Amino acid sequence: MFGSIKDALSKSLSLQCMYEENGKKTTAYIKAGAVRADMMGGTKEENGSVIVKDNKMYFWNGKEGMMLTFDIDQISPSGTAAKTQPSKTPNADFMEGLEKYKDACKPAVVSDTLFTPPSDVKFVDQTKMIEDAQKLMKGVTPGSAMSEEDLKKLMQQYQPTTTP
């Protein structure tokens, strides 16, 4: 049927995956190269949903969310970033989680509407912030930390602005 989650995505299979880890129940859906996962935990902060579709990842919890743009081709079949990339892509951890529970996936009829981000959620695009952080980190020696000055610059750049 499929050897990995990336394999399932490339074969355009329709799957439903249900699993529990550390008290958090996850139901994931895979269809036509897209993935959606709904997580339910013991607290409100542990609940949320994520959609990975068209080189974008949407995550929300309540009425606020974030969106990241990435290149799905940078993910290797094992779910980790390709060796040519210095760091994981934004959805690598998410894909690794799905890969871990691929045996909990079964063929299913999955509605296309599950892969449309909700219109009542305000999504903030975090792509530029991630890119800027990666640029700053390129000059950091492995095992050391970003300078306090560079960290302050990054944080100031993304502080919400208030108008009087």
C-alpha atoms as a PDB file:
ATOM      1  CA  MET A   1       0.000   0.000   0.000  1.00  0.00           C
ATOM      2  CA  PHE A   2       2.508   2.680   1.147  1.00  0.00           C
ATOM      3  CA  GLY A   3       5.916   2.610   2.798  1.00  0.00           C
ATOM      4  CA  SER A   4       5.978   6.091   4.317  1.00  0.00           C
ATOM      5  CA  ILE A   5       3.731   9.107   4.781  1.00  0.00           C
ATOM      6  CA  LYS A   6       5.587  10.917   1.975  1.00  0.00           C
ATOM      7  CA  ASP A   7       4.927   7.851  -0.201  1.00  0.00           C
ATOM      8  CA  ALA A   8       1.206   8.051   0.670  1.00  0.00           C
ATOM      9  CA  LEU A   9       1.191  11.757  -0.208  1.00  0.00           C
ATOM     10  CA  SER A  10       2.864  11.166  -3.566  1.00  0.00           C
ATOM     11  CA  LYS A  11       0.433   8.355  -4.423  1.00  0.00           C
ATOM     12  CA  SER A  12      -2.525  10.619  -3.610  1.00  0.00           C
ATOM     13  CA  LEU A  13      -4.005   8.074  -1.207  1.00  0.00           C
ATOM     14  CA  SER A  14      -6.963   8.978   1.033  1.00  0.00           C
ATOM     15  CA  LEU A  15      -6.241   7.922   4.613  1.00  0.00           C
ATOM     16  CA  GLN A  16      -7.468   8.520   8.137  1.00  0.00           C
ATOM     17  CA  CYS A  17      -5.001   8.045  10.992  1.00  0.00           C
ATOM     18  CA  MET A  18      -6.021   7.914  14.655  1.00  0.00           C
ATOM     19  CA  TYR A  19      -3.515   7.645  17.494  1.00  0.00           C
ATOM     20  CA  GLU A  20      -2.802   8.787  21.037  1.00  0.00           C
ATOM     21  CA  GLU A  21       0.490   9.917  22.534  1.00  0.00           C
ATOM     22  CA  ASN A  22       1.092  11.365  26.003  1.00  0.00           C
ATOM     23  CA  GLY A  23      -2.642  11.794  26.581  1.00  0.00           C
ATOM     24  CA  LYS A  24      -3.128  13.745  23.338  1.00  0.00           C
ATOM     25  CA  LYS A  25      -5.492  12.211  20.768  1.00  0.00           C
ATOM     26  CA  THR A  26      -4.774  12.970  17.129  1.00  0.00           C
ATOM     27  CA  THR A  27      -6.908  12.334  14.087  1.00  0.00           C
ATOM     28  CA  ALA A  28      -5.090  12.964  10.820  1.00  0.00           C
ATOM     29  CA  TYR A  29      -6.414  12.908   7.271  1.00  0.00           C
ATOM     30  CA  ILE A  30      -4.362  12.529   4.099  1.00  0.00           C
ATOM     31  CA  LYS A  31      -5.751  13.143   0.632  1.00  0.00           C
ATOM     32  CA  ALA A  32      -4.357  14.231  -2.734  1.00  0.00           C
ATOM     33  CA  GLY A  33      -1.023  15.363  -1.284  1.00  0.00           C
ATOM     34  CA  ALA A  34      -2.584  17.314   1.602  1.00  0.00           C
ATOM     35  CA  VAL A  35      -2.582  16.533   5.330  1.00  0.00           C
ATOM     36  CA  ARG A  36      -4.825  17.696   8.167  1.00  0.00           C
ATOM     37  CA  ALA A  37      -4.467  16.800  11.821  1.00  0.00           C
ATOM     38  CA  ASP A  38      -6.743  17.666  14.724  1.00  0.00           C
ATOM     39  CA  MET A  39      -5.204  17.295  18.190  1.00  0.00           C
ATOM     40  CA  MET A  40      -7.143  17.057  21.450  1.00  0.00           C
ATOM     41  CA  GLY A  41      -5.337  17.074  24.783  1.00  0.00           C
ATOM     42  CA  GLY A  42      -6.183  17.624  28.396  1.00  0.00           C
ATOM     43  CA  THR A  43      -5.887  21.424  28.213  1.00  0.00           C
ATOM     44  CA  LYS A  44      -7.032  24.129  25.792  1.00  0.00           C
ATOM     45  CA  GLU A  45      -3.392  24.841  24.846  1.00  0.00           C
ATOM     46  CA  GLU A  46      -2.962  21.219  23.733  1.00  0.00           C
ATOM     47  CA  ASN A  47      -5.890  21.407  21.318  1.00  0.00           C
ATOM     48  CA  GLY A  48      -5.394  22.592  17.773  1.00  0.00           C
ATOM     49  CA  SER A  49      -5.472  21.787  14.104  1.00  0.00           C
ATOM     50  CA  VAL A  50      -2.945  21.870  11.302  1.00  0.00           C
ATOM     51  CA  ILE A  51      -3.281  21.703   7.510  1.00  0.00           C
ATOM     52  CA  VAL A  52      -0.299  21.074   5.229  1.00  0.00           C
ATOM     53  CA  LYS A  53      -1.262  21.832   1.634  1.00  0.00           C
ATOM     54  CA  ASP A  54       0.188  23.570  -1.432  1.00  0.00           C
ATOM     55  CA  ASN A  55       3.575  24.216   0.248  1.00  0.00           C
ATOM     56  CA  LYS A  56       1.871  25.939   3.177  1.00  0.00           C
ATOM     57  CA  MET A  57       1.305  24.902   6.756  1.00  0.00           C
ATOM     58  CA  TYR A  58      -1.611  26.392   8.692  1.00  0.00           C
ATOM     59  CA  PHE A  59      -1.857  25.906  12.454  1.00  0.00           C
ATOM     60  CA  TRP A  60      -4.631  27.251  14.645  1.00  0.00           C
ATOM     61  CA  ASN A  61      -6.014  26.979  18.135  1.00  0.00           C
ATOM     62  CA  GLY A  62      -9.226  28.919  18.561  1.00  0.00           C
ATOM     63  CA  LYS A  63      -9.591  32.058  16.432  1.00  0.00           C
ATOM     64  CA  GLU A  64      -5.872  32.756  15.942  1.00  0.00           C
ATOM     65  CA  GLY A  65      -3.334  30.882  13.896  1.00  0.00           C
ATOM     66  CA  MET A  66      -0.151  31.028  11.931  1.00  0.00           C
ATOM     67  CA  MET A  67       0.847  30.133   8.404  1.00  0.00           C
ATOM     68  CA  LEU A  68       4.267  29.123   7.074  1.00  0.00           C
ATOM     69  CA  THR A  69       5.397  28.636   3.475  1.00  0.00           C
ATOM     70  CA  PHE A  70       7.938  25.867   2.766  1.00  0.00           C
ATOM     71  CA  ASP A  71       9.191  23.510   0.076  1.00  0.00           C
ATOM     72  CA  ILE A  72       7.738  19.990   0.559  1.00  0.00           C
ATOM     73  CA  ASP A  73      10.490  18.572  -1.695  1.00  0.00           C
ATOM     74  CA  GLN A  74      13.014  19.336   1.063  1.00  0.00           C
ATOM     75  CA  ILE A  75      11.502  16.533   3.161  1.00  0.00           C
ATOM     76  CA  SER A  76      13.158  13.143   2.769  1.00  0.00           C
ATOM     77  CA  PRO A  77      11.132   9.895   2.749  1.00  0.00           C
ATOM     78  CA  SER A  78      11.868   9.384   6.452  1.00  0.00           C
ATOM     79  CA  GLY A  79      10.178  12.713   7.199  1.00  0.00           C
ATOM     80  CA  THR A  80      13.354  14.629   8.059  1.00  0.00           C
ATOM     81  CA  ALA A  81      14.944  17.474   6.171  1.00  0.00           C
ATOM     82  CA  ALA A  82      17.075  16.536   3.204  1.00  0.00           C
ATOM     83  CA  LYS A  83      20.811  16.329   3.916  1.00  0.00           C
ATOM     84  CA  THR A  84      21.462  19.321   1.677  1.00  0.00           C
ATOM     85  CA  GLN A  85      19.439  21.537   3.996  1.00  0.00           C
ATOM     86  CA  PRO A  86      21.136  22.997   7.099  1.00  0.00           C
ATOM     87  CA  SER A  87      17.994  22.763   9.220  1.00  0.00           C
ATOM     88  CA  LYS A  88      14.579  21.118   9.205  1.00  0.00           C
ATOM     89  CA  THR A  89      11.805  22.581   7.145  1.00  0.00           C
ATOM     90  CA  PRO A  90       8.847  24.001   9.118  1.00  0.00           C
ATOM     91  CA  ASN A  91       6.776  20.850   8.861  1.00  0.00           C
ATOM     92  CA  ALA A  92       9.529  18.258   9.460  1.00  0.00           C
ATOM     93  CA  ASP A  93       8.505  17.616  13.083  1.00  0.00           C
ATOM     94  CA  PHE A  94       4.872  17.294  12.040  1.00  0.00           C
ATOM     95  CA  MET A  95       5.754  14.815   9.292  1.00  0.00           C
ATOM     96  CA  GLU A  96       7.984  12.824  11.671  1.00  0.00           C
ATOM     97  CA  GLY A  97       5.034  12.504  14.050  1.00  0.00           C
ATOM     98  CA  LEU A  98       2.811  11.162  11.292  1.00  0.00           C
ATOM     99  CA  GLU A  99       5.539   8.811  10.119  1.00  0.00           C
ATOM    100  CA  LYS A 100       5.837   7.370  13.612  1.00  0.00           C
ATOM    101  CA  TYR A 101       2.155   6.359  13.561  1.00  0.00           C
ATOM    102  CA  LYS A 102       1.759   5.415   9.886  1.00  0.00           C
ATOM    103  CA  ASP A 103       0.519   1.947  10.950  1.00  0.00           C
ATOM    104  CA  ALA A 104      -2.506   3.687  12.529  1.00  0.00           C
ATOM    105  CA  CYS A 105      -3.571   4.891   9.070  1.00  0.00           C
ATOM    106  CA  LYS A 106      -6.404   3.211   7.171  1.00  0.00           C
ATOM    107  CA  PRO A 107      -7.954   3.928   3.763  1.00  0.00           C
ATOM    108  CA  ALA A 108     -10.924   6.286   4.116  1.00  0.00           C
ATOM    109  CA  VAL A 109     -13.248   8.574   2.195  1.00  0.00           C
ATOM    110  CA  VAL A 110     -11.983  12.040   3.119  1.00  0.00           C
ATOM    111  CA  SER A 111     -13.834  15.272   2.298  1.00  0.00           C
ATOM    112  CA  ASP A 112     -11.946  18.012   0.430  1.00  0.00           C
ATOM    113  CA  THR A 113     -13.431  20.591   2.830  1.00  0.00           C
ATOM    114  CA  LEU A 114     -11.171  19.306   5.626  1.00  0.00           C
ATOM    115  CA  PHE A 115      -8.204  20.866   3.809  1.00  0.00           C
ATOM    116  CA  THR A 116      -9.562  24.419   3.624  1.00  0.00           C
ATOM    117  CA  PRO A 117      -8.326  26.664   6.448  1.00  0.00           C
ATOM    118  CA  PRO A 118     -11.239  28.091   8.449  1.00  0.00           C
ATOM    119  CA  SER A 119     -12.312  31.566   7.326  1.00  0.00           C
ATOM    120  CA  ASP A 120     -13.047  32.720  10.900  1.00  0.00           C
ATOM    121  CA  VAL A 121      -9.414  32.268  12.008  1.00  0.00           C
ATOM    122  CA  LYS A 122      -6.903  35.108  11.642  1.00  0.00           C
ATOM    123  CA  PHE A 123      -3.682  33.568  10.241  1.00  0.00           C
ATOM    124  CA  VAL A 124      -0.395  35.424  10.706  1.00  0.00           C
ATOM    125  CA  ASP A 125       2.282  34.634   8.109  1.00  0.00           C
ATOM    126  CA  GLN A 126       5.415  33.596  10.042  1.00  0.00           C
ATOM    127  CA  THR A 127       7.476  32.742   6.933  1.00  0.00           C
ATOM    128  CA  LYS A 128       9.576  35.948   6.870  1.00  0.00           C
ATOM    129  CA  MET A 129      10.327  35.741  10.579  1.00  0.00           C
ATOM    130  CA  ILE A 130      11.604  32.151  10.187  1.00  0.00           C
ATOM    131  CA  GLU A 131      13.728  33.126   7.158  1.00  0.00           C
ATOM    132  CA  ASP A 132      15.224  36.090   9.032  1.00  0.00           C
ATOM    133  CA  ALA A 133      16.021  33.903  12.046  1.00  0.00           C
ATOM    134  CA  GLN A 134      17.704  31.329   9.782  1.00  0.00           C
ATOM    135  CA  LYS A 135      19.826  34.075   8.183  1.00  0.00           C
ATOM    136  CA  LEU A 136      20.927  35.275  11.616  1.00  0.00           C
ATOM    137  CA  MET A 137      21.703  31.716  12.710  1.00  0.00           C
ATOM    138  CA  LYS A 138      23.961  31.047   9.690  1.00  0.00           C
ATOM    139  CA  GLY A 139      26.708  33.105  11.346  1.00  0.00           C
ATOM    140  CA  VAL A 140      26.371  31.307  14.672  1.00  0.00           C
ATOM    141  CA  THR A 141      28.933  28.638  15.479  1.00  0.00           C
ATOM    142  CA  PRO A 142      27.287  25.232  16.151  1.00  0.00           C
ATOM    143  CA  GLY A 143      26.831  24.721  19.872  1.00  0.00           C
ATOM    144  CA  SER A 144      26.886  28.461  20.594  1.00  0.00           C
ATOM    145  CA  ALA A 145      24.007  30.875  20.952  1.00  0.00           C
ATOM    146  CA  MET A 146      22.833  33.835  18.898  1.00  0.00           C
ATOM    147  CA  SER A 147      24.263  37.097  20.243  1.00  0.00           C
ATOM    148  CA  GLU A 148      22.009  39.066  22.545  1.00  0.00           C
ATOM    149  CA  GLU A 149      22.167  42.007  20.135  1.00  0.00           C
ATOM    150  CA  ASP A 150      21.031  39.866  17.160  1.00  0.00           C
ATOM    151  CA  LEU A 151      18.220  38.367  19.250  1.00  0.00           C
ATOM    152  CA  LYS A 152      17.027  41.845  20.299  1.00  0.00           C
ATOM    153  CA  LYS A 153      17.052  43.016  16.660  1.00  0.00           C
ATOM    154  CA  LEU A 154      14.981  40.027  15.592  1.00  0.00           C
ATOM    155  CA  MET A 155      12.477  40.469  18.414  1.00  0.00           C
ATOM    156  CA  GLN A 156      12.097  44.216  17.761  1.00  0.00           C
ATOM    157  CA  GLN A 157      11.430  43.565  14.100  1.00  0.00           C
ATOM    158  CA  TYR A 158       8.428  41.405  14.910  1.00  0.00           C
ATOM    159  CA  GLN A 159       6.992  43.313  17.880  1.00  0.00           C
ATOM    160  CA  PRO A 160       3.360  44.271  17.321  1.00  0.00           C
ATOM    161  CA  THR A 161       3.036  47.963  16.617  1.00  0.00           C
ATOM    162  CA  THR A 162       0.431  49.967  18.459  1.00  0.00           C
ATOM    163  CA  THR A 163      -1.025  53.156  17.100  1.00  0.00           C
ATOM    164  CA  PRO A 164      -2.111  55.930  19.474  1.00  0.00           C
END
